[in-house]
Protein backbone atom coordinates (compact mmCIF):
# COMPACT_ATOMS: atom_id res chain seq x y z
CA MET A 1 0.00 0.00 0.00
CA ARG A 2 1.34 3.41 -0.95
CA GLU A 3 2.11 5.24 2.27
CA THR A 4 1.24 8.67 0.89
CA ASP A 5 -2.21 7.40 -0.05
CA LEU A 6 -2.79 6.49 3.57
CA GLU A 7 -1.33 9.62 5.10
CA ASP A 8 -2.89 12.12 2.69
CA GLY A 9 -6.51 12.65 3.55
CA MET A 10 -6.47 11.36 7.11
CA GLY A 11 -7.96 13.98 9.36
CA GLU A 12 -6.85 12.75 12.77
CA GLY A 13 -4.81 9.74 11.90
CA VAL A 14 -6.14 6.72 13.70
CA THR A 15 -8.33 8.67 16.05
CA GLY A 16 -11.41 8.60 13.89
CA THR A 17 -12.95 7.27 10.77
CA ALA A 18 -13.38 10.61 9.08
CA ALA A 19 -10.75 11.72 6.60
CA ARG A 20 -10.00 15.15 5.27
CA GLU A 21 -9.82 15.84 1.54
CA PRO A 22 -6.81 14.01 0.10
CA ALA A 23 -3.97 15.83 -1.61
CA VAL A 24 -4.97 14.14 -4.86
CA ARG A 25 -8.51 13.60 -6.07
CA GLY A 26 -8.09 9.87 -6.18
CA PRO A 27 -5.62 7.11 -6.85
CA ARG A 28 -4.27 6.70 -10.32
CA ARG A 29 -5.27 3.06 -10.41
CA PRO A 30 -8.85 2.53 -9.13
CA ARG A 31 -8.47 -1.24 -9.18
CA ALA A 32 -5.48 -1.03 -6.87
CA ALA A 33 -7.42 1.27 -4.54
CA ARG A 34 -10.33 -1.17 -4.39
CA ARG A 35 -7.90 -3.98 -3.73
CA THR A 36 -6.41 -1.97 -0.89
CA VAL A 37 -9.85 -1.45 0.65
CA ALA A 38 -10.48 -5.19 0.34
CA VAL A 39 -7.22 -5.93 2.17
CA LEU A 40 -8.13 -3.47 4.93
CA GLY A 41 -11.56 -5.08 5.18
CA THR A 42 -9.99 -8.51 5.59
CA GLY A 43 -8.28 -7.31 8.74
CA VAL A 44 -11.57 -5.91 10.07
CA PHE A 45 -13.25 -9.23 9.24
CA ALA A 46 -10.58 -11.04 11.26
CA ILE A 47 -11.15 -8.75 14.25
CA GLY A 48 -14.91 -9.13 14.05
CA THR A 49 -14.58 -12.90 13.89
CA ASP A 50 -12.41 -12.83 16.99
CA MET A 51 -14.94 -10.64 18.82
CA PHE A 52 -17.98 -12.81 18.16
CA VAL A 53 -16.60 -16.34 17.99
CA VAL A 54 -15.68 -16.66 21.66
CA ALA A 55 -19.31 -16.97 22.75
CA GLY A 56 -19.61 -20.19 20.77
CA VAL A 57 -16.56 -21.88 22.32
CA LEU A 58 -16.83 -20.96 26.01
CA GLY A 59 -17.81 -24.51 26.93
CA GLY A 60 -14.68 -25.93 25.31
CA ILE A 61 -12.47 -23.33 26.96
CA ALA A 62 -13.95 -24.04 30.38
CA THR A 63 -13.56 -27.82 30.02
CA ASP A 64 -10.03 -27.72 28.63
CA LEU A 65 -8.66 -25.15 31.09
CA GLY A 66 -10.53 -26.55 34.09
CA VAL A 67 -12.51 -23.41 34.97
CA SER A 68 -16.18 -22.51 35.20
CA VAL A 69 -18.10 -21.17 32.22
CA GLY A 70 -18.41 -17.79 33.93
CA SER A 71 -14.64 -17.64 34.40
CA ALA A 72 -14.12 -18.55 30.75
CA GLY A 73 -16.45 -15.67 29.89
CA LEU A 74 -13.77 -13.31 31.18
CA ALA A 75 -12.15 -13.83 27.78
CA VAL A 76 -14.97 -11.70 26.38
CA THR A 77 -14.88 -9.24 29.27
CA VAL A 78 -11.18 -8.40 29.11
CA PHE A 79 -11.27 -8.07 25.31
CA ALA A 80 -14.19 -5.64 25.33
CA LEU A 81 -12.78 -3.63 28.22
CA ALA A 82 -9.30 -3.36 26.68
CA TYR A 83 -10.81 -2.43 23.32
CA ALA A 84 -12.87 0.36 24.89
CA VAL A 85 -9.86 1.75 26.74
CA GLY A 86 -7.70 1.49 23.64
CA ALA A 87 -10.26 3.25 21.46
CA VAL A 88 -10.31 6.25 23.81
CA LEU A 89 -6.69 6.39 25.02
CA LEU A 90 -4.49 4.46 22.59
CA ALA A 91 -5.78 5.87 19.29
CA PRO A 92 -4.96 9.52 20.12
CA SER A 93 -1.44 8.48 21.14
CA LEU A 94 -0.93 6.80 17.76
CA SER A 95 -2.23 9.75 15.75
CA VAL A 96 1.33 11.06 15.37
CA ARG A 97 2.55 7.82 13.82
CA SER A 98 2.55 6.76 10.19
CA PRO A 99 -0.92 5.32 9.36
CA ARG A 100 0.61 2.58 7.25
CA ARG A 101 2.93 1.58 10.07
CA VAL A 102 0.03 1.50 12.53
CA LEU A 103 -1.90 -0.81 10.21
CA VAL A 104 0.98 -3.21 9.58
CA VAL A 105 2.15 -3.39 13.20
CA SER A 106 -1.35 -3.71 14.68
CA SER A 107 -2.42 -6.46 12.25
CA ALA A 108 0.81 -8.38 12.86
CA ALA A 109 0.47 -7.99 16.62
CA PHE A 110 -3.15 -9.11 16.47
CA ALA A 111 -2.13 -12.26 14.58
CA VAL A 112 0.66 -13.11 17.02
CA LEU A 113 -1.54 -12.53 20.05
CA ASN A 114 -4.30 -14.75 18.66
CA VAL A 115 -1.75 -17.51 18.18
CA SER A 116 -0.76 -16.95 21.82
CA ALA A 117 -4.42 -17.25 22.83
CA ALA A 118 -4.76 -20.48 20.84
CA LEU A 119 -1.72 -21.92 22.63
CA ALA A 120 -2.58 -20.62 26.10
CA PRO A 121 -2.07 -23.39 28.70
CA GLU A 122 -4.06 -21.66 31.44
CA LEU A 123 -6.75 -19.02 31.82
CA PRO A 124 -4.44 -16.15 32.93
CA ALA A 125 -2.34 -16.56 29.79
CA LEU A 126 -5.48 -16.58 27.65
CA LEU A 127 -6.80 -13.42 29.31
CA ALA A 128 -3.48 -11.61 28.85
CA ALA A 129 -3.39 -12.50 25.16
CA ARG A 130 -6.99 -11.38 24.74
CA ALA A 131 -6.37 -8.01 26.43
CA LEU A 132 -3.29 -7.24 24.35
CA GLY A 133 -5.03 -8.42 21.19
CA ALA A 134 -7.90 -6.02 21.90
CA LEU A 135 -5.46 -3.12 22.13
CA ALA A 136 -4.06 -4.06 18.72
CA ALA A 137 -7.60 -4.30 17.33
CA SER A 138 -8.54 -0.89 18.74
CA ALA A 139 -5.60 0.61 16.86
CA TYR A 140 -6.33 -1.19 13.58
CA VAL A 141 -10.07 -0.60 13.07
CA PRO A 142 -10.14 3.24 13.08
CA ALA A 143 -6.89 3.36 11.08
CA ALA A 144 -8.37 1.00 8.48
CA SER A 145 -11.51 3.13 8.20
CA ALA A 146 -9.50 6.31 7.71
CA ALA A 147 -7.15 4.63 5.23
CA ALA A 148 -10.03 3.21 3.20
CA ALA A 149 -11.49 6.71 2.88
CA ALA A 150 -8.09 8.20 2.01
CA VAL A 151 -7.19 5.91 -0.90
CA MET A 152 -10.54 6.36 -2.67
CA PRO A 153 -11.81 9.47 -4.45
CA ALA A 154 -14.40 11.56 -2.66
CA SER A 155 -17.20 10.18 -4.84
CA HIS A 156 -16.51 6.63 -3.59
CA ARG A 157 -15.52 7.37 0.00
CA GLY A 158 -18.88 6.32 1.47
CA ARG A 159 -18.68 3.00 -0.33
CA ALA A 160 -15.21 2.41 1.04
CA LEU A 161 -16.36 3.06 4.61
CA GLY A 162 -19.43 0.91 4.00
CA THR A 163 -17.13 -1.93 2.95
CA ILE A 164 -15.23 -1.69 6.22
CA VAL A 165 -18.43 -1.71 8.28
CA GLY A 166 -19.83 -4.52 6.14
CA CYS A 167 -16.78 -6.66 6.84
CA MET A 168 -17.44 -6.33 10.56
CA SER A 169 -21.07 -7.37 10.04
CA ALA A 170 -20.02 -10.24 7.77
CA ALA A 171 -17.88 -11.57 10.59
CA THR A 172 -21.02 -12.30 12.61
CA VAL A 173 -22.65 -14.07 9.65
CA LEU A 174 -19.68 -16.00 8.26
CA GLY A 175 -16.57 -15.65 10.41
CA ALA A 176 -17.95 -16.50 13.84
CA PRO A 177 -20.05 -19.51 12.67
CA ALA A 178 -17.03 -20.79 10.72
CA GLY A 179 -14.92 -20.52 13.87
CA VAL A 180 -17.54 -22.39 15.90
CA LEU A 181 -17.65 -25.10 13.23
CA LEU A 182 -13.86 -25.47 13.30
CA ALA A 183 -13.97 -25.66 17.09
CA SER A 184 -16.58 -28.43 16.93
CA MET A 185 -14.42 -30.44 14.52
CA LEU A 186 -11.00 -29.74 16.07
CA SER A 187 -10.74 -27.71 19.27
CA TRP A 188 -11.66 -24.33 20.67
CA ARG A 189 -8.10 -23.30 19.88
CA ALA A 190 -8.89 -23.47 16.16
CA ALA A 191 -11.41 -20.68 16.65
CA PHE A 192 -8.54 -18.35 17.59
CA ALA A 193 -6.29 -19.66 14.83
CA LEU A 194 -8.76 -18.57 12.12
CA PRO A 195 -8.59 -14.80 12.84
CA ALA A 196 -4.84 -15.15 13.39
CA VAL A 197 -4.38 -16.46 9.85
CA LEU A 198 -6.61 -13.75 8.38
CA ALA A 199 -4.76 -11.01 10.26
CA ALA A 200 -1.38 -12.39 9.20
CA VAL A 201 -2.45 -12.39 5.56
CA THR A 202 -3.63 -8.80 5.96
CA GLY A 203 -0.32 -7.71 7.42
CA LEU A 204 1.65 -9.38 4.63
CA LEU A 205 -0.46 -7.76 1.92
CA LEU A 206 -0.20 -4.36 3.56
CA THR A 207 3.57 -4.77 3.77
CA GLY A 208 3.69 -5.72 0.10
CA ASP A 209 2.50 -2.28 -1.06
CA VAL A 210 -0.47 -3.66 -2.94
CA SER A 211 -1.46 -0.25 -4.30
CA ARG A 212 1.94 1.22 -5.15
CA PRO A 213 1.82 2.97 -8.53
CA PRO A 214 4.66 2.78 -11.09
CA ALA A 215 7.67 4.69 -9.82
CA ARG A 216 8.26 8.06 -11.48
CA ARG A 217 11.75 8.71 -12.76
CA GLU A 218 13.34 12.03 -11.95
CA PRO A 219 14.05 14.06 -15.12
CA PRO A 220 17.73 13.83 -16.07
CA GLU A 221 19.83 16.94 -16.00
CA CYS A 222 21.00 18.74 -19.07
CA GLY A 223 23.57 16.72 -20.95
CA GLU A 224 22.86 13.51 -19.03
CA PRO A 225 21.94 10.34 -20.92
CA SER A 226 18.18 9.91 -21.29
CA ALA A 227 16.23 6.68 -20.89
CA SER A 228 16.30 6.20 -24.68
CA GLY A 229 20.09 6.41 -24.83
CA GLY A 230 20.36 10.00 -26.13
CA GLU A 231 21.00 13.22 -24.32
CA VAL A 232 18.69 15.81 -22.89
CA PRO A 233 18.71 19.06 -24.92
CA GLY A 234 20.53 21.91 -23.27
CA PRO A 235 19.55 25.55 -23.16
CA GLY A 236 20.83 26.05 -26.71
CA GLY A 237 17.67 24.49 -28.21
CA ALA A 238 16.49 21.13 -29.54
CA GLY A 239 18.37 19.00 -32.00
CA ARG A 240 21.91 17.72 -32.12
CA ARG A 241 23.42 21.16 -32.67
CA GLY A 242 21.70 22.60 -29.65
CA ARG A 243 22.76 19.86 -27.27
CA GLN A 244 25.48 20.48 -24.75
CA ARG A 245 27.85 17.74 -23.78
CA VAL A 246 28.94 17.76 -20.17
CA SER A 247 31.83 15.58 -19.15
CA PRO A 248 31.62 13.56 -15.95
CA ARG A 249 34.33 15.75 -14.41
CA GLN A 250 32.23 18.88 -14.95
CA ARG A 251 29.19 17.48 -13.19
CA GLN A 252 28.73 18.66 -9.63
CA PRO A 253 27.72 15.94 -7.16
CA ARG A 254 24.38 16.49 -5.49
CA PRO A 255 24.76 17.41 -1.82
CA ARG A 256 23.65 14.75 0.62
CA PRO A 257 21.46 15.78 3.54
CA SER A 258 23.33 16.12 6.77
CA LEU A 259 22.24 14.10 9.79
CA ARG A 260 22.49 17.27 11.83
CA HIS A 261 19.65 18.89 9.91
CA ARG A 262 17.20 16.02 9.98
CA PRO A 263 13.91 16.75 11.77
CA PRO A 264 13.55 15.23 15.22
CA LEU A 265 11.90 11.85 15.49
CA PRO A 266 8.32 11.79 16.82
CA HIS A 267 9.37 10.21 20.10
CA ALA A 268 11.96 12.96 20.58
CA ASP A 269 9.38 15.73 20.32
CA PRO A 270 9.23 17.45 23.72
CA GLU A 271 5.60 18.45 23.11
CA LEU A 272 4.45 14.95 22.14
CA GLY A 273 3.19 14.05 25.60
CA ALA A 274 1.25 17.30 25.90
CA ARG A 275 -0.38 16.75 22.51
CA ARG A 276 -1.41 13.24 23.47
CA ARG A 277 -2.96 14.40 26.73
CA ALA A 278 -4.76 17.19 24.91
CA ALA A 279 -6.15 14.69 22.40
CA VAL A 280 -7.48 12.46 25.19
CA ARG A 281 -9.08 15.42 26.99
CA ALA A 282 -10.68 16.54 23.73
CA ARG A 283 -12.16 13.07 23.29
CA LEU A 284 -13.73 13.07 26.75
CA ARG A 285 -14.93 16.69 26.75
CA PRO A 286 -18.33 16.03 25.07
CA MET A 287 -19.32 13.82 28.00
CA GLY A 288 -19.85 17.02 29.97
CA SER A 289 -23.09 17.50 28.05
CA PRO A 290 -26.07 15.93 29.89
CA ALA A 291 -27.66 14.86 26.59
CA VAL A 292 -24.48 13.13 25.41
CA ALA A 293 -23.90 11.45 28.77
CA ALA A 294 -27.50 10.19 28.98
CA THR A 295 -27.40 8.86 25.43
CA LEU A 296 -24.19 6.97 26.17
CA VAL A 297 -25.73 5.55 29.36
CA VAL A 298 -28.67 4.17 27.37
CA THR A 299 -26.26 2.51 24.94
CA PHE A 300 -24.19 1.11 27.79
CA LEU A 301 -27.21 -0.42 29.52
CA LEU A 302 -28.65 -2.08 26.41
CA MET A 303 -25.24 -3.51 25.43
CA THR A 304 -24.84 -4.81 28.98
CA ALA A 305 -28.18 -6.58 28.64
CA SER A 306 -27.38 -7.89 25.17
CA TYR A 307 -23.95 -9.31 25.95
CA SER A 308 -25.05 -10.84 29.23
CA THR A 309 -27.13 -13.18 27.03
CA TYR A 310 -25.13 -13.34 23.79
CA THR A 311 -21.92 -14.43 25.51
CA TYR A 312 -23.64 -17.46 27.04
CA LEU A 313 -25.88 -18.55 24.17
CA PRO A 314 -24.35 -22.07 24.15
CA GLN A 315 -25.54 -22.59 27.73
CA LEU A 316 -29.20 -22.00 26.85
CA PRO A 317 -31.31 -25.19 26.57
CA ALA A 318 -32.49 -24.32 23.04
CA ALA A 319 -28.89 -24.22 21.75
CA ALA A 320 -28.54 -27.97 22.19
CA ALA A 321 -31.75 -28.68 20.27
CA VAL A 322 -30.91 -27.02 16.93
CA PRO A 323 -28.37 -27.97 14.23
CA LEU A 324 -24.93 -26.41 14.82
CA GLY A 325 -26.22 -25.20 18.20
CA SER A 326 -24.82 -21.78 19.11
CA GLY A 327 -23.25 -21.47 15.64
CA LEU A 328 -26.73 -21.26 14.12
CA PHE A 329 -27.84 -18.70 16.69
CA ILE A 330 -24.76 -16.56 16.00
CA ALA A 331 -25.39 -16.69 12.24
CA VAL A 332 -29.08 -15.79 12.67
CA PHE A 333 -28.12 -12.95 14.99
CA GLY A 334 -25.68 -11.60 12.39
CA LEU A 335 -28.13 -11.85 9.49
CA ALA A 336 -30.84 -10.16 11.51
CA GLY A 337 -28.33 -7.51 12.55
CA THR A 338 -27.61 -6.67 8.92
CA ALA A 339 -31.31 -6.04 8.33
CA GLY A 340 -31.59 -4.20 11.63
CA THR A 341 -28.79 -1.80 10.76
CA TRP A 342 -30.59 -0.76 7.59
CA TRP A 343 -33.94 -0.48 9.39
CA GLY A 344 -32.56 1.56 12.28
CA GLY A 345 -30.76 4.06 10.07
CA SER A 346 -33.61 4.60 7.63
CA ALA A 347 -36.28 4.77 10.35
CA ALA A 348 -34.23 7.30 12.32
CA ASP A 349 -34.00 9.47 9.21
CA ARG A 350 -37.75 9.33 8.57
CA ARG A 351 -39.25 9.44 12.06
CA GLY A 352 -36.47 10.43 14.43
CA PRO A 353 -34.13 8.37 16.66
CA GLY A 354 -36.63 8.22 19.53
CA ARG A 355 -39.07 6.17 17.46
CA VAL A 356 -36.34 3.54 16.97
CA VAL A 357 -34.67 3.48 20.38
CA GLY A 358 -37.89 2.97 22.36
CA PRO A 359 -39.21 -0.03 20.35
CA ALA A 360 -35.71 -1.55 20.25
CA LEU A 361 -35.55 -1.52 24.05
CA VAL A 362 -38.99 -3.11 24.37
CA VAL A 363 -38.38 -5.83 21.78
CA SER A 364 -35.00 -6.64 23.32
CA ALA A 365 -36.46 -6.97 26.81
CA VAL A 366 -39.19 -9.34 25.58
CA ALA A 367 -36.63 -11.41 23.68
CA PHE A 368 -34.38 -11.74 26.72
CA ALA A 369 -37.31 -12.86 28.87
CA VAL A 370 -38.50 -15.48 26.35
CA LEU A 371 -35.19 -16.91 25.13
CA PRO A 372 -34.14 -19.03 28.15
CA HIS A 373 -37.52 -20.80 28.16
CA ALA A 374 -38.20 -21.09 24.41
CA THR A 375 -38.25 -24.18 22.22
CA ALA A 376 -35.76 -24.47 19.38
CA VAL A 377 -37.95 -22.89 16.70
CA VAL A 378 -39.18 -20.10 18.95
CA ALA A 379 -35.61 -19.45 20.07
CA VAL A 380 -34.42 -18.94 16.48
CA VAL A 381 -37.24 -16.45 15.84
CA THR A 382 -36.52 -14.71 19.13
CA VAL A 383 -32.80 -14.36 18.33
CA ALA A 384 -33.73 -12.86 14.94
CA ALA A 385 -36.03 -10.27 16.54
CA TRP A 386 -33.39 -9.45 19.13
CA GLY A 387 -30.73 -9.03 16.43
CA VAL A 388 -32.89 -6.61 14.44
CA ALA A 389 -33.69 -4.58 17.55
CA VAL A 390 -30.16 -4.30 18.95
CA TRP A 391 -28.40 -3.63 15.65
CA GLY A 392 -31.11 -1.15 14.64
CA PHE A 393 -30.62 0.62 17.96
CA VAL A 394 -26.97 1.44 17.20
CA PRO A 395 -27.38 3.70 14.12
CA ALA A 396 -30.32 5.43 15.79
CA GLN A 397 -28.16 6.32 18.77
CA GLN A 398 -25.39 7.48 16.46
CA HIS A 399 -27.95 9.61 14.62
CA ARG A 400 -29.05 11.12 17.93
CA LEU A 401 -25.50 11.94 19.04
CA ILE A 402 -24.58 13.61 15.76
CA GLY A 403 -27.81 15.61 15.88
CA LEU A 404 -26.88 17.04 19.26
CA GLY A 405 -24.04 18.94 17.60
CA THR A 406 -21.96 19.21 20.76
CA ALA A 407 -18.74 18.02 19.06
CA ALA A 408 -17.40 16.74 15.77
CA PRO A 409 -19.22 13.59 14.56
CA PRO A 410 -16.10 11.34 14.59
CA LEU A 411 -15.49 12.27 18.22
CA LEU A 412 -19.08 11.52 19.25
CA LEU A 413 -19.05 8.22 17.36
CA ALA A 414 -15.81 7.22 19.07
CA LEU A 415 -17.41 7.82 22.47
CA HIS A 416 -20.41 5.77 21.40
CA SER A 417 -18.12 2.93 20.35
CA GLY A 418 -16.51 3.09 23.77
CA ALA A 419 -19.93 2.81 25.43
CA VAL A 420 -20.74 -0.22 23.27
CA HIS A 421 -17.58 -2.05 24.29
CA LEU A 422 -17.84 -1.09 27.96
CA GLY A 423 -21.36 -2.51 27.92
CA SER A 424 -20.02 -5.67 26.29
CA ALA A 425 -17.48 -6.05 29.08
CA ALA A 426 -20.02 -5.42 31.84
CA GLY A 427 -22.59 -7.74 30.27
CA SER A 428 -20.25 -10.68 29.83
CA LEU A 429 -19.01 -10.22 33.41
CA LEU A 430 -22.51 -10.05 34.93
CA GLY A 431 -23.72 -12.92 32.76
CA GLY A 432 -20.83 -15.08 33.92
CA LEU A 433 -21.67 -14.41 37.55
CA VAL A 434 -25.32 -15.39 36.94
CA VAL A 435 -24.41 -18.57 35.05
CA ASP A 436 -22.00 -19.71 37.77
CA THR A 437 -24.36 -18.94 40.65
CA ALA A 438 -27.94 -19.37 39.39
CA GLY A 439 -27.64 -21.02 35.98
CA ALA A 440 -28.24 -19.84 32.40
CA ALA A 441 -32.02 -19.94 32.88
CA ARG A 442 -31.70 -16.82 35.08
CA LEU A 443 -29.83 -14.70 32.56
CA TRP A 444 -33.04 -12.96 31.58
CA THR A 445 -33.27 -11.20 34.96
CA VAL A 446 -30.09 -9.16 34.45
CA ALA A 447 -30.97 -8.39 30.83
CA VAL A 448 -34.52 -7.26 31.55
CA VAL A 449 -33.45 -5.07 34.49
CA CYS A 450 -30.84 -3.36 32.30
CA CYS A 451 -33.40 -2.80 29.55
CA GLY A 452 -35.80 -1.29 32.07
CA ALA A 453 -33.12 1.08 33.34
CA ALA A 454 -32.24 2.04 29.76
CA TRP A 455 -35.91 2.74 29.03
CA ALA A 456 -36.16 5.01 32.08
CA VAL A 457 -33.07 7.02 31.09
CA HIS A 458 -34.30 7.22 27.49
CA THR A 459 -37.70 8.52 28.58
CA VAL A 460 -36.22 11.18 30.86
CA LEU A 461 -33.75 12.18 28.14
CA VAL A 462 -36.44 12.70 25.52
CA ARG A 463 -38.89 14.50 27.80
CA THR A 464 -36.50 16.87 29.56
CA VAL A 465 -33.44 17.35 27.35
CA LEU A 466 -34.40 16.52 23.78
CA VAL A 467 -37.98 17.80 23.81
CA GLY A 468 -38.70 19.43 20.46
CA LYS A 469 -35.26 18.64 19.08
CA GLU A 470 -35.96 15.28 17.49
CA LYS A 471 -38.60 14.72 14.87
CA GLY A 472 -41.18 12.29 16.12
CA SER A 473 -39.75 11.90 19.62
């Protein structure tokens, strides 16, 4: 990948998915640019697979490592928590680095750490590999989004970003079920090997400069041999009579840059630490708005409810009564989520975010209450309804945050992503405690309580803060 294509057009480096207008209107080779976006999407697909596949292999992890299912669920908790912290704190620190280097190093680190997770002999080693892998993932995903927008012309930038988001969604439909299938045939360790291979391939392709254009030759100086074997015309005019012959002795060597005059390295910049701290403070500043804080709380509570159930889908009675078990549930959840994302975004545009968020909370609460006690067929339908509701909820909340106008959209979306992953960590932790103490049949209690709290905050937010600001609320 051409490094200038990645660096030109990136607004805040790896700190956001928005990119400023590139120095050139678009790459010279559109096919190479599309290939670059595909390579970047492969890395996102690997990360998404790693995020969602663990829920389907918790039983194997618990049995092999000799721990409870709730303790094995910490593999989801530490990943989500580390990813949320990395998205808020690590990305601003990397904004001064080369985008291409961030992509290559983070994808390679993610691959190595997934191999370490696959080879982990005990739970502490697995958790350490998961936490470090999440930090690498939190550096790669925003950098890949920004790079995908930078290498494409402005007219195709939305499609490039849609490809990156689509690869994350495809991981729930294809990647995670494939990992569960491999785990059922081989071992739970194979589920971690799959994203490791995909990430390694991504790193190799990114290192190979897949979109580098043909190198441009510098024009030869007057009297120097040209590429065709002749000489470049001198100031006397074209033709043989106007050419000037310069002997090698008369040519002046080009001065070489002195090491003393080279610019300081980024790590030697005395103001680097201050800039990093300022970037982190700027990211957290919008949370001072009551509307932003309340919106993030609603997202956190629903994600806590969702992941308290999703993480432990294999432990539900209905999972053992359907083909492929939890793998089928994960695939249905992903397919429904794809439809839900489209529904949530379009409905928020037409009727306002409030008309999406409220129904999503109600449908999710009903699904959580029914799922532990449902038959196989009813459980599949319930998972589909839950997937539509939860995934439709996300773009509606993003729509609401951007509409508040309290900060730049990339900054607000980054905070929302942090709330999603913090909720994932809290949900998997609470769900594990419930499974170990009361059994999977009681998971619905935590989920429904969280949905009720989210509904209360949402209602207060709309009636007191957002009254008259949202169409249809």
